Amino acid sequence: MLTSVDPDVIRALGDPLRLRIVALLARETLCTTHLVEETGARQTNLSNHLRVLREAGIVDTEPCGRFTYYKLKPEVLADLSGQFAGLAASARSAAENKRACP
């Protein structure tokens, strides 16, 4: 059921830059410097977006010397996908159900 979806995950993925970051991290683990190069965003702006993704549980961090690498947590997206698939299946089966107006 969709009500079990963490609203922080939905909010985090609702921003175009954060969605772009997630798409980039789906291909490979990247550090902040790579993400700045790929997105064209400023370091401080990008760091704020990465914090939101981290707090929502969508990405993990991996320190490497003076750099921090970010990697996607695929299970979070898989769970979200499954919940939306369940909602779509429910909507298909309920398409002919119509409650009468009083």
PDB file of N, CA and C in Angstrom:
ATOM      1  N   MET A   1       0.846  -1.186   0.000  1.00  0.00           N
ATOM      2  CA  MET A   1       0.000   0.000   0.000  1.00  0.00           C
ATOM      3  C   MET A   1       0.888   1.245   0.000  1.00  0.00           C
ATOM      4  N   LEU A   2       0.495   2.246  -0.719  1.00  0.00           N
ATOM      5  CA  LEU A   2       1.307   3.435  -0.892  1.00  0.00           C
ATOM      6  C   LEU A   2       1.468   4.234   0.395  1.00  0.00           C
ATOM      7  N   THR A   3       0.586   4.095   1.332  1.00  0.00           N
ATOM      8  CA  THR A   3       0.680   4.881   2.557  1.00  0.00           C
ATOM      9  C   THR A   3       1.920   4.539   3.371  1.00  0.00           C
ATOM     10  N   SER A   4       2.570   3.413   3.067  1.00  0.00           N
ATOM     11  CA  SER A   4       3.770   3.053   3.817  1.00  0.00           C
ATOM     12  C   SER A   4       5.030   3.676   3.230  1.00  0.00           C
ATOM     13  N   VAL A   5       4.909   4.394   2.114  1.00  0.00           N
ATOM     14  CA  VAL A   5       6.060   5.035   1.502  1.00  0.00           C
ATOM     15  C   VAL A   5       6.506   6.201   2.369  1.00  0.00           C
ATOM     16  N   ASP A   6       7.806   6.285   2.577  1.00  0.00           N
ATOM     17  CA  ASP A   6       8.369   7.373   3.369  1.00  0.00           C
ATOM     18  C   ASP A   6       8.220   8.677   2.577  1.00  0.00           C
ATOM     19  N   PRO A   7       7.496   9.652   3.105  1.00  0.00           N
ATOM     20  CA  PRO A   7       7.302  10.907   2.372  1.00  0.00           C
ATOM     21  C   PRO A   7       8.616  11.643   2.104  1.00  0.00           C
ATOM     22  N   ASP A   8       9.635  11.411   2.936  1.00  0.00           N
ATOM     23  CA  ASP A   8      10.935  12.036   2.696  1.00  0.00           C
ATOM     24  C   ASP A   8      11.568  11.520   1.404  1.00  0.00           C
ATOM     25  N   VAL A   9      11.350  10.252   1.101  1.00  0.00           N
ATOM     26  CA  VAL A   9      11.875   9.674  -0.140  1.00  0.00           C
ATOM     27  C   VAL A   9      11.177  10.314  -1.337  1.00  0.00           C
ATOM     28  N   ILE A  10       9.867  10.442  -1.267  1.00  0.00           N
ATOM     29  CA  ILE A  10       9.107  11.050  -2.368  1.00  0.00           C
ATOM     30  C   ILE A  10       9.549  12.504  -2.552  1.00  0.00           C
ATOM     31  N   ARG A  11       9.651  13.243  -1.462  1.00  0.00           N
ATOM     32  CA  ARG A  11      10.083  14.643  -1.527  1.00  0.00           C
ATOM     33  C   ARG A  11      11.493  14.760  -2.107  1.00  0.00           C
ATOM     34  N   ALA A  12      12.379  13.888  -1.662  1.00  0.00           N
ATOM     35  CA  ALA A  12      13.765  13.929  -2.125  1.00  0.00           C
ATOM     36  C   ALA A  12      13.855  13.671  -3.628  1.00  0.00           C
ATOM     37  N   LEU A  13      13.067  12.763  -4.124  1.00  0.00           N
ATOM     38  CA  LEU A  13      13.100  12.435  -5.547  1.00  0.00           C
ATOM     39  C   LEU A  13      12.313  13.425  -6.399  1.00  0.00           C
ATOM     40  N   GLY A  14      11.545  14.290  -5.762  1.00  0.00           N
ATOM     41  CA  GLY A  14      10.721  15.253  -6.485  1.00  0.00           C
ATOM     42  C   GLY A  14      11.496  16.442  -7.037  1.00  0.00           C
ATOM     43  N   ASP A  15      12.725  16.619  -6.623  1.00  0.00           N
ATOM     44  CA  ASP A  15      13.534  17.738  -7.101  1.00  0.00           C
ATOM     45  C   ASP A  15      14.318  17.299  -8.344  1.00  0.00           C
ATOM     46  N   PRO A  16      14.292  18.091  -9.421  1.00  0.00           N
ATOM     47  CA  PRO A  16      14.981  17.697 -10.666  1.00  0.00           C
ATOM     48  C   PRO A  16      16.481  17.449 -10.500  1.00  0.00           C
ATOM     49  N   LEU A  17      17.164  18.260  -9.720  1.00  0.00           N
ATOM     50  CA  LEU A  17      18.602  18.046  -9.539  1.00  0.00           C
ATOM     51  C   LEU A  17      18.863  16.774  -8.746  1.00  0.00           C
ATOM     52  N   ARG A  18      18.080  16.529  -7.708  1.00  0.00           N
ATOM     53  CA  ARG A  18      18.273  15.307  -6.924  1.00  0.00           C
ATOM     54  C   ARG A  18      17.958  14.079  -7.769  1.00  0.00           C
ATOM     55  N   LEU A  19      16.955  14.171  -8.614  1.00  0.00           N
ATOM     56  CA  LEU A  19      16.639  13.054  -9.501  1.00  0.00           C
ATOM     57  C   LEU A  19      17.782  12.813 -10.478  1.00  0.00           C
ATOM     58  N   ARG A  20      18.405  13.881 -10.950  1.00  0.00           N
ATOM     59  CA  ARG A  20      19.577  13.757 -11.839  1.00  0.00           C
ATOM     60  C   ARG A  20      20.737  13.103 -11.089  1.00  0.00           C
ATOM     61  N   ILE A  21      20.954  13.488  -9.847  1.00  0.00           N
ATOM     62  CA  ILE A  21      22.008  12.886  -9.025  1.00  0.00           C
ATOM     63  C   ILE A  21      21.752  11.388  -8.873  1.00  0.00           C
ATOM     64  N   VAL A  22      20.517  11.017  -8.593  1.00  0.00           N
ATOM     65  CA  VAL A  22      20.161   9.606  -8.435  1.00  0.00           C
ATOM     66  C   VAL A  22      20.426   8.850  -9.736  1.00  0.00           C
ATOM     67  N   ALA A  23      20.070   9.444 -10.867  1.00  0.00           N
ATOM     68  CA  ALA A  23      20.316   8.796 -12.161  1.00  0.00           C
ATOM     69  C   ALA A  23      21.817   8.603 -12.390  1.00  0.00           C
ATOM     70  N   LEU A  24      22.620   9.587 -12.035  1.00  0.00           N
ATOM     71  CA  LEU A  24      24.076   9.469 -12.182  1.00  0.00           C
ATOM     72  C   LEU A  24      24.632   8.379 -11.257  1.00  0.00           C
ATOM     73  N   LEU A  25      24.139   8.344 -10.029  1.00  0.00           N
ATOM     74  CA  LEU A  25      24.625   7.354  -9.066  1.00  0.00           C
ATOM     75  C   LEU A  25      24.131   5.942  -9.391  1.00  0.00           C
ATOM     76  N   ALA A  26      23.110   5.841 -10.216  1.00  0.00           N
ATOM     77  CA  ALA A  26      22.643   4.521 -10.654  1.00  0.00           C
ATOM     78  C   ALA A  26      23.661   3.887 -11.603  1.00  0.00           C
ATOM     79  N   ARG A  27      24.485   4.709 -12.219  1.00  0.00           N
ATOM     80  CA  ARG A  27      25.504   4.214 -13.153  1.00  0.00           C
ATOM     81  C   ARG A  27      26.827   3.910 -12.476  1.00  0.00           C
ATOM     82  N   GLU A  28      27.184   4.708 -11.440  1.00  0.00           N
ATOM     83  CA  GLU A  28      28.468   4.513 -10.764  1.00  0.00           C
ATOM     84  C   GLU A  28      28.526   5.302  -9.464  1.00  0.00           C
ATOM     85  N   THR A  29      29.435   4.900  -8.584  1.00  0.00           N
ATOM     86  CA  THR A  29      29.694   5.618  -7.351  1.00  0.00           C
ATOM     87  C   THR A  29      30.552   6.834  -7.694  1.00  0.00           C
ATOM     88  N   LEU A  30      30.136   8.008  -7.219  1.00  0.00           N
ATOM     89  CA  LEU A  30      30.819   9.254  -7.574  1.00  0.00           C
ATOM     90  C   LEU A  30      31.110  10.089  -6.332  1.00  0.00           C
ATOM     91  N   CYS A  31      32.166  10.895  -6.413  1.00  0.00           N
ATOM     92  CA  CYS A  31      32.442  11.846  -5.341  1.00  0.00           C
ATOM     93  C   CYS A  31      31.786  13.180  -5.694  1.00  0.00           C
ATOM     94  N   THR A  32      31.790  14.083  -4.748  1.00  0.00           N
ATOM     95  CA  THR A  32      31.160  15.381  -4.942  1.00  0.00           C
ATOM     96  C   THR A  32      31.739  16.109  -6.144  1.00  0.00           C
ATOM     97  N   THR A  33      33.058  16.029  -6.322  1.00  0.00           N
ATOM     98  CA  THR A  33      33.712  16.697  -7.443  1.00  0.00           C
ATOM     99  C   THR A  33      33.159  16.192  -8.778  1.00  0.00           C
ATOM    100  N   HIS A  34      32.988  14.883  -8.891  1.00  0.00           N
ATOM    101  CA  HIS A  34      32.410  14.307 -10.110  1.00  0.00           C
ATOM    102  C   HIS A  34      30.991  14.823 -10.334  1.00  0.00           C
ATOM    103  N   LEU A  35      30.225  14.871  -9.260  1.00  0.00           N
ATOM    104  CA  LEU A  35      28.833  15.309  -9.377  1.00  0.00           C
ATOM    105  C   LEU A  35      28.731  16.780  -9.765  1.00  0.00           C
ATOM    106  N   VAL A  36      29.641  17.602  -9.266  1.00  0.00           N
ATOM    107  CA  VAL A  36      29.679  19.009  -9.667  1.00  0.00           C
ATOM    108  C   VAL A  36      29.953  19.098 -11.165  1.00  0.00           C
ATOM    109  N   GLU A  37      30.925  18.324 -11.646  1.00  0.00           N
ATOM    110  CA  GLU A  37      31.260  18.323 -13.073  1.00  0.00           C
ATOM    111  C   GLU A  37      30.092  17.851 -13.924  1.00  0.00           C
ATOM    112  N   GLU A  38      29.424  16.794 -13.491  1.00  0.00           N
ATOM    113  CA  GLU A  38      28.330  16.198 -14.263  1.00  0.00           C
ATOM    114  C   GLU A  38      27.068  17.068 -14.296  1.00  0.00           C
ATOM    115  N   THR A  39      26.783  17.730 -13.186  1.00  0.00           N
ATOM    116  CA  THR A  39      25.519  18.476 -13.093  1.00  0.00           C
ATOM    117  C   THR A  39      25.663  19.963 -13.370  1.00  0.00           C
ATOM    118  N   GLY A  40      26.873  20.495 -13.168  1.00  0.00           N
ATOM    119  CA  GLY A  40      27.077  21.934 -13.318  1.00  0.00           C
ATOM    120  C   GLY A  40      26.592  22.728 -12.116  1.00  0.00           C
ATOM    121  N   ALA A  41      26.155  22.036 -11.080  1.00  0.00           N
ATOM    122  CA  ALA A  41      25.676  22.704  -9.863  1.00  0.00           C
ATOM    123  C   ALA A  41      26.865  23.179  -9.039  1.00  0.00           C
ATOM    124  N   ARG A  42      26.635  24.183  -8.227  1.00  0.00           N
ATOM    125  CA  ARG A  42      27.676  24.659  -7.318  1.00  0.00           C
ATOM    126  C   ARG A  42      27.861  23.660  -6.192  1.00  0.00           C
ATOM    127  N   GLN A  43      29.075  23.619  -5.686  1.00  0.00           N
ATOM    128  CA  GLN A  43      29.435  22.672  -4.617  1.00  0.00           C
ATOM    129  C   GLN A  43      28.482  22.762  -3.417  1.00  0.00           C
ATOM    130  N   THR A  44      28.214  23.976  -2.940  1.00  0.00           N
ATOM    131  CA  THR A  44      27.350  24.117  -1.757  1.00  0.00           C
ATOM    132  C   THR A  44      25.926  23.660  -2.050  1.00  0.00           C
ATOM    133  N   ASN A  45      25.416  23.987  -3.225  1.00  0.00           N
ATOM    134  CA  ASN A  45      24.073  23.569  -3.617  1.00  0.00           C
ATOM    135  C   ASN A  45      24.011  22.048  -3.715  1.00  0.00           C
ATOM    136  N   LEU A  46      25.011  21.469  -4.340  1.00  0.00           N
ATOM    137  CA  LEU A  46      25.066  20.023  -4.499  1.00  0.00           C
ATOM    138  C   LEU A  46      25.161  19.323  -3.142  1.00  0.00           C
ATOM    139  N   SER A  47      25.975  19.863  -2.260  1.00  0.00           N
ATOM    140  CA  SER A  47      26.117  19.278  -0.921  1.00  0.00           C
ATOM    141  C   SER A  47      24.792  19.277  -0.173  1.00  0.00           C
ATOM    142  N   ASN A  48      24.022  20.342  -0.317  1.00  0.00           N
ATOM    143  CA  ASN A  48      22.699  20.398   0.324  1.00  0.00           C
ATOM    144  C   ASN A  48      21.778  19.323  -0.238  1.00  0.00           C
ATOM    145  N   HIS A  49      21.799  19.139  -1.543  1.00  0.00           N
ATOM    146  CA  HIS A  49      20.953  18.115  -2.169  1.00  0.00           C
ATOM    147  C   HIS A  49      21.405  16.712  -1.763  1.00  0.00           C
ATOM    148  N   LEU A  50      22.700  16.496  -1.672  1.00  0.00           N
ATOM    149  CA  LEU A  50      23.208  15.195  -1.235  1.00  0.00           C
ATOM    150  C   LEU A  50      22.828  14.909   0.212  1.00  0.00           C
ATOM    151  N   ARG A  51      22.812  15.936   1.036  1.00  0.00           N
ATOM    152  CA  ARG A  51      22.376  15.764   2.433  1.00  0.00           C
ATOM    153  C   ARG A  51      20.929  15.301   2.482  1.00  0.00           C
ATOM    154  N   VAL A  52      20.074  15.923   1.672  1.00  0.00           N
ATOM    155  CA  VAL A  52      18.659  15.530   1.631  1.00  0.00           C
ATOM    156  C   VAL A  52      18.527  14.066   1.201  1.00  0.00           C
ATOM    157  N   LEU A  53      19.271  13.675   0.170  1.00  0.00           N
ATOM    158  CA  LEU A  53      19.232  12.285  -0.303  1.00  0.00           C
ATOM    159  C   LEU A  53      19.751  11.318   0.762  1.00  0.00           C
ATOM    160  N   ARG A  54      20.785  11.717   1.465  1.00  0.00           N
ATOM    161  CA  ARG A  54      21.344  10.883   2.524  1.00  0.00           C
ATOM    162  C   ARG A  54      20.349  10.742   3.676  1.00  0.00           C
ATOM    163  N   GLU A  55      19.752  11.859   4.101  1.00  0.00           N
ATOM    164  CA  GLU A  55      18.791  11.817   5.210  1.00  0.00           C
ATOM    165  C   GLU A  55      17.532  11.031   4.855  1.00  0.00           C
ATOM    166  N   ALA A  56      17.178  11.006   3.575  1.00  0.00           N
ATOM    167  CA  ALA A  56      16.016  10.234   3.131  1.00  0.00           C
ATOM    168  C   ALA A  56      16.356   8.750   2.983  1.00  0.00           C
ATOM    169  N   GLY A  57      17.639   8.412   3.131  1.00  0.00           N
ATOM    170  CA  GLY A  57      18.057   7.016   3.053  1.00  0.00           C
ATOM    171  C   GLY A  57      18.257   6.502   1.642  1.00  0.00           C
ATOM    172  N   ILE A  58      18.392   7.407   0.680  1.00  0.00           N
ATOM    173  CA  ILE A  58      18.512   7.016  -0.724  1.00  0.00           C
ATOM    174  C   ILE A  58      19.961   6.767  -1.119  1.00  0.00           C
ATOM    175  N   VAL A  59      20.888   7.464  -0.494  1.00  0.00           N
ATOM    176  CA  VAL A  59      22.311   7.274  -0.797  1.00  0.00           C
ATOM    177  C   VAL A  59      23.099   6.980   0.469  1.00  0.00           C
ATOM    178  N   ASP A  60      24.217   6.312   0.281  1.00  0.00           N
ATOM    179  CA  ASP A  60      25.186   6.064   1.344  1.00  0.00           C
ATOM    180  C   ASP A  60      26.459   6.824   1.010  1.00  0.00           C
ATOM    181  N   THR A  61      27.242   7.122   2.026  1.00  0.00           N
ATOM    182  CA  THR A  61      28.525   7.791   1.810  1.00  0.00           C
ATOM    183  C   THR A  61      29.659   6.832   2.124  1.00  0.00           C
ATOM    184  N   GLU A  62      30.769   7.091   1.469  1.00  0.00           N
ATOM    185  CA  GLU A  62      31.967   6.297   1.687  1.00  0.00           C
ATOM    186  C   GLU A  62      33.160   7.247   1.692  1.00  0.00           C
ATOM    187  N   PRO A  63      33.745   7.512   2.869  1.00  0.00           N
ATOM    188  CA  PRO A  63      34.903   8.396   2.913  1.00  0.00           C
ATOM    189  C   PRO A  63      36.105   7.751   2.228  1.00  0.00           C
ATOM    190  N   CYS A  64      36.850   8.569   1.508  1.00  0.00           N
ATOM    191  CA  CYS A  64      38.051   8.100   0.818  1.00  0.00           C
ATOM    192  C   CYS A  64      39.055   9.247   0.836  1.00  0.00           C
ATOM    193  N   GLY A  65      39.917   9.261   1.863  1.00  0.00           N
ATOM    194  CA  GLY A  65      40.852  10.370   2.015  1.00  0.00           C
ATOM    195  C   GLY A  65      40.091  11.648   2.304  1.00  0.00           C
ATOM    196  N   ARG A  66      40.378  12.674   1.525  1.00  0.00           N
ATOM    197  CA  ARG A  66      39.675  13.944   1.747  1.00  0.00           C
ATOM    198  C   ARG A  66      38.385  14.059   0.932  1.00  0.00           C
ATOM    199  N   PHE A  67      38.045  12.994   0.217  1.00  0.00           N
ATOM    200  CA  PHE A  67      36.835  12.989  -0.597  1.00  0.00           C
ATOM    201  C   PHE A  67      35.764  12.126   0.040  1.00  0.00           C
ATOM    202  N   THR A  68      34.527  12.409  -0.317  1.00  0.00           N
ATOM    203  CA  THR A  68      33.412  11.564   0.084  1.00  0.00           C
ATOM    204  C   THR A  68      32.748  11.051  -1.173  1.00  0.00           C
ATOM    205  N   TYR A  69      32.637   9.742  -1.265  1.00  0.00           N
ATOM    206  CA  TYR A  69      31.949   9.121  -2.399  1.00  0.00           C
ATOM    207  C   TYR A  69      30.507   8.838  -2.005  1.00  0.00           C
ATOM    208  N   TYR A  70      29.630   8.911  -2.990  1.00  0.00           N
ATOM    209  CA  TYR A  70      28.209   8.654  -2.788  1.00  0.00           C
ATOM    210  C   TYR A  70      27.806   7.484  -3.663  1.00  0.00           C
ATOM    211  N   LYS A  71      27.000   6.599  -3.077  1.00  0.00           N
ATOM    212  CA  LYS A  71      26.473   5.482  -3.852  1.00  0.00           C
ATOM    213  C   LYS A  71      24.993   5.312  -3.538  1.00  0.00           C
ATOM    214  N   LEU A  72      24.288   4.902  -4.541  1.00  0.00           N
ATOM    215  CA  LEU A  72      22.846   4.725  -4.455  1.00  0.00           C
ATOM    216  C   LEU A  72      22.511   3.460  -3.673  1.00  0.00           C
ATOM    217  N   LYS A  73      21.430   3.512  -2.918  1.00  0.00           N
ATOM    218  CA  LYS A  73      20.932   2.337  -2.218  1.00  0.00           C
ATOM    219  C   LYS A  73      19.777   1.780  -3.060  1.00  0.00           C
ATOM    220  N   PRO A  74      20.063   0.823  -3.934  1.00  0.00           N
ATOM    221  CA  PRO A  74      19.049   0.350  -4.881  1.00  0.00           C
ATOM    222  C   PRO A  74      17.815  -0.250  -4.226  1.00  0.00           C
ATOM    223  N   GLU A  75      17.982  -0.807  -3.024  1.00  0.00           N
ATOM    224  CA  GLU A  75      16.828  -1.416  -2.362  1.00  0.00           C
ATOM    225  C   GLU A  75      15.748  -0.390  -2.029  1.00  0.00           C
ATOM    226  N   VAL A  76      16.139   0.847  -1.774  1.00  0.00           N
ATOM    227  CA  VAL A  76      15.158   1.898  -1.473  1.00  0.00           C
ATOM    228  C   VAL A  76      14.303   2.167  -2.706  1.00  0.00           C
ATOM    229  N   LEU A  77      14.942   2.274  -3.863  1.00  0.00           N
ATOM    230  CA  LEU A  77      14.197   2.507  -5.107  1.00  0.00           C
ATOM    231  C   LEU A  77      13.385   1.284  -5.500  1.00  0.00           C
ATOM    232  N   ALA A  78      13.912   0.084  -5.252  1.00  0.00           N
ATOM    233  CA  ALA A  78      13.173  -1.144  -5.562  1.00  0.00           C
ATOM    234  C   ALA A  78      11.907  -1.233  -4.704  1.00  0.00           C
ATOM    235  N   ASP A  79      12.021  -0.893  -3.427  1.00  0.00           N
ATOM    236  CA  ASP A  79      10.841  -0.894  -2.549  1.00  0.00           C
ATOM    237  C   ASP A  79       9.803   0.105  -3.031  1.00  0.00           C
ATOM    238  N   LEU A  80      10.268   1.303  -3.377  1.00  0.00           N
ATOM    239  CA  LEU A  80       9.365   2.342  -3.862  1.00  0.00           C
ATOM    240  C   LEU A  80       8.670   1.897  -5.152  1.00  0.00           C
ATOM    241  N   SER A  81       9.441   1.315  -6.042  1.00  0.00           N
ATOM    242  CA  SER A  81       8.902   0.817  -7.303  1.00  0.00           C
ATOM    243  C   SER A  81       7.824  -0.244  -7.062  1.00  0.00           C
ATOM    244  N   GLY A  82       8.101  -1.151  -6.148  1.00  0.00           N
ATOM    245  CA  GLY A  82       7.137  -2.194  -5.821  1.00  0.00           C
ATOM    246  C   GLY A  82       5.848  -1.635  -5.242  1.00  0.00           C
ATOM    247  N   GLN A  83       5.977  -0.608  -4.423  1.00  0.00           N
ATOM    248  CA  GLN A  83       4.784  -0.005  -3.835  1.00  0.00           C
ATOM    249  C   GLN A  83       3.945   0.704  -4.896  1.00  0.00           C
ATOM    250  N   PHE A  84       4.602   1.386  -5.826  1.00  0.00           N
ATOM    251  CA  PHE A  84       3.857   2.030  -6.902  1.00  0.00           C
ATOM    252  C   PHE A  84       3.255   1.000  -7.863  1.00  0.00           C
ATOM    253  N   ALA A  85       3.958  -0.106  -8.096  1.00  0.00           N
ATOM    254  CA  ALA A  85       3.421  -1.174  -8.948  1.00  0.00           C
ATOM    255  C   ALA A  85       2.168  -1.760  -8.309  1.00  0.00           C
ATOM    256  N   GLY A  86       2.200  -1.936  -6.988  1.00  0.00           N
ATOM    257  CA  GLY A  86       1.024  -2.433  -6.281  1.00  0.00           C
ATOM    258  C   GLY A  86      -0.148  -1.469  -6.380  1.00  0.00           C
ATOM    259  N   LEU A  87       0.151  -0.190  -6.291  1.00  0.00           N
ATOM    260  CA  LEU A  87      -0.899   0.826  -6.418  1.00  0.00           C
ATOM    261  C   LEU A  87      -1.493   0.805  -7.831  1.00  0.00           C
ATOM    262  N   ALA A  88      -0.637   0.662  -8.844  1.00  0.00           N
ATOM    263  CA  ALA A  88      -1.115   0.598 -10.232  1.00  0.00           C
ATOM    264  C   ALA A  88      -1.985  -0.637 -10.453  1.00  0.00           C
ATOM    265  N   ALA A  89      -1.583  -1.770  -9.893  1.00  0.00           N
ATOM    266  CA  ALA A  89      -2.372  -2.998 -10.024  1.00  0.00           C
ATOM    267  C   ALA A  89      -3.730  -2.833  -9.366  1.00  0.00           C
ATOM    268  N   SER A  90      -3.746  -2.193  -8.214  1.00  0.00           N
ATOM    269  CA  SER A  90      -5.005  -1.942  -7.518  1.00  0.00           C
ATOM    270  C   SER A  90      -5.912  -1.030  -8.347  1.00  0.00           C
ATOM    271  N   ALA A  91      -5.313  -0.004  -8.960  1.00  0.00           N
ATOM    272  CA  ALA A  91      -6.093   0.924  -9.780  1.00  0.00           C
ATOM    273  C   ALA A  91      -6.677   0.221 -11.003  1.00  0.00           C
ATOM    274  N   ARG A  92      -5.913  -0.701 -11.609  1.00  0.00           N
ATOM    275  CA  ARG A  92      -6.424  -1.446 -12.770  1.00  0.00           C
ATOM    276  C   ARG A  92      -7.628  -2.292 -12.394  1.00  0.00           C
ATOM    277  N   SER A  93      -7.526  -2.985 -11.253  1.00  0.00           N
ATOM    278  CA  SER A  93      -8.629  -3.861 -10.848  1.00  0.00           C
ATOM    279  C   SER A  93      -9.837  -3.069 -10.352  1.00  0.00           C
ATOM    280  N   ALA A  94      -9.622  -1.852  -9.925  1.00  0.00           N
ATOM    281  CA  ALA A  94     -10.715  -1.025  -9.409  1.00  0.00           C
ATOM    282  C   ALA A  94     -11.283  -0.066 -10.452  1.00  0.00           C
ATOM    283  N   ALA A  95     -10.773  -0.126 -11.677  1.00  0.00           N
ATOM    284  CA  ALA A  95     -11.183   0.822 -12.719  1.00  0.00           C
ATOM    285  C   ALA A  95     -12.685   0.816 -12.973  1.00  0.00           C
ATOM    286  N   GLU A  96     -13.318  -0.334 -12.815  1.00  0.00           N
ATOM    287  CA  GLU A  96     -14.755  -0.410 -13.081  1.00  0.00           C
ATOM    288  C   GLU A  96     -15.598  -0.160 -11.833  1.00  0.00           C
ATOM    289  N   ASN A  97     -14.962  -0.052 -10.690  1.00  0.00           N
ATOM    290  CA  ASN A  97     -15.691   0.234  -9.444  1.00  0.00           C
ATOM    291  C   ASN A  97     -16.024   1.726  -9.410  1.00  0.00           C
ATOM    292  N   LYS A  98     -17.289   2.004  -9.228  1.00  0.00           N
ATOM    293  CA  LYS A  98     -17.706   3.402  -9.111  1.00  0.00           C
ATOM    294  C   LYS A  98     -18.721   3.494  -7.981  1.00  0.00           C
ATOM    295  N   ARG A  99     -18.408   4.317  -7.011  1.00  0.00           N
ATOM    296  CA  ARG A  99     -19.311   4.507  -5.876  1.00  0.00           C
ATOM    297  C   ARG A  99     -20.416   5.463  -6.308  1.00  0.00           C
ATOM    298  N   ALA A 100     -21.636   5.106  -6.006  1.00  0.00           N
ATOM    299  CA  ALA A 100     -22.767   5.956  -6.343  1.00  0.00           C
ATOM    300  C   ALA A 100     -22.805   7.188  -5.439  1.00  0.00           C
ATOM    301  N   CYS A 101     -23.161   8.292  -6.034  1.00  0.00           N
ATOM    302  CA  CYS A 101     -23.314   9.516  -5.241  1.00  0.00           C
ATOM    303  C   CYS A 101     -24.607   9.421  -4.438  1.00  0.00           C
ATOM    304  N   PRO A 102     -24.615  10.005  -3.239  1.00  0.00           N
ATOM    305  CA  PRO A 102     -25.825   9.921  -2.395  1.00  0.00           C
ATOM    306  C   PRO A 102     -26.991  10.684  -2.982  1.00  0.00           C
TER     307      PRO A 102
END
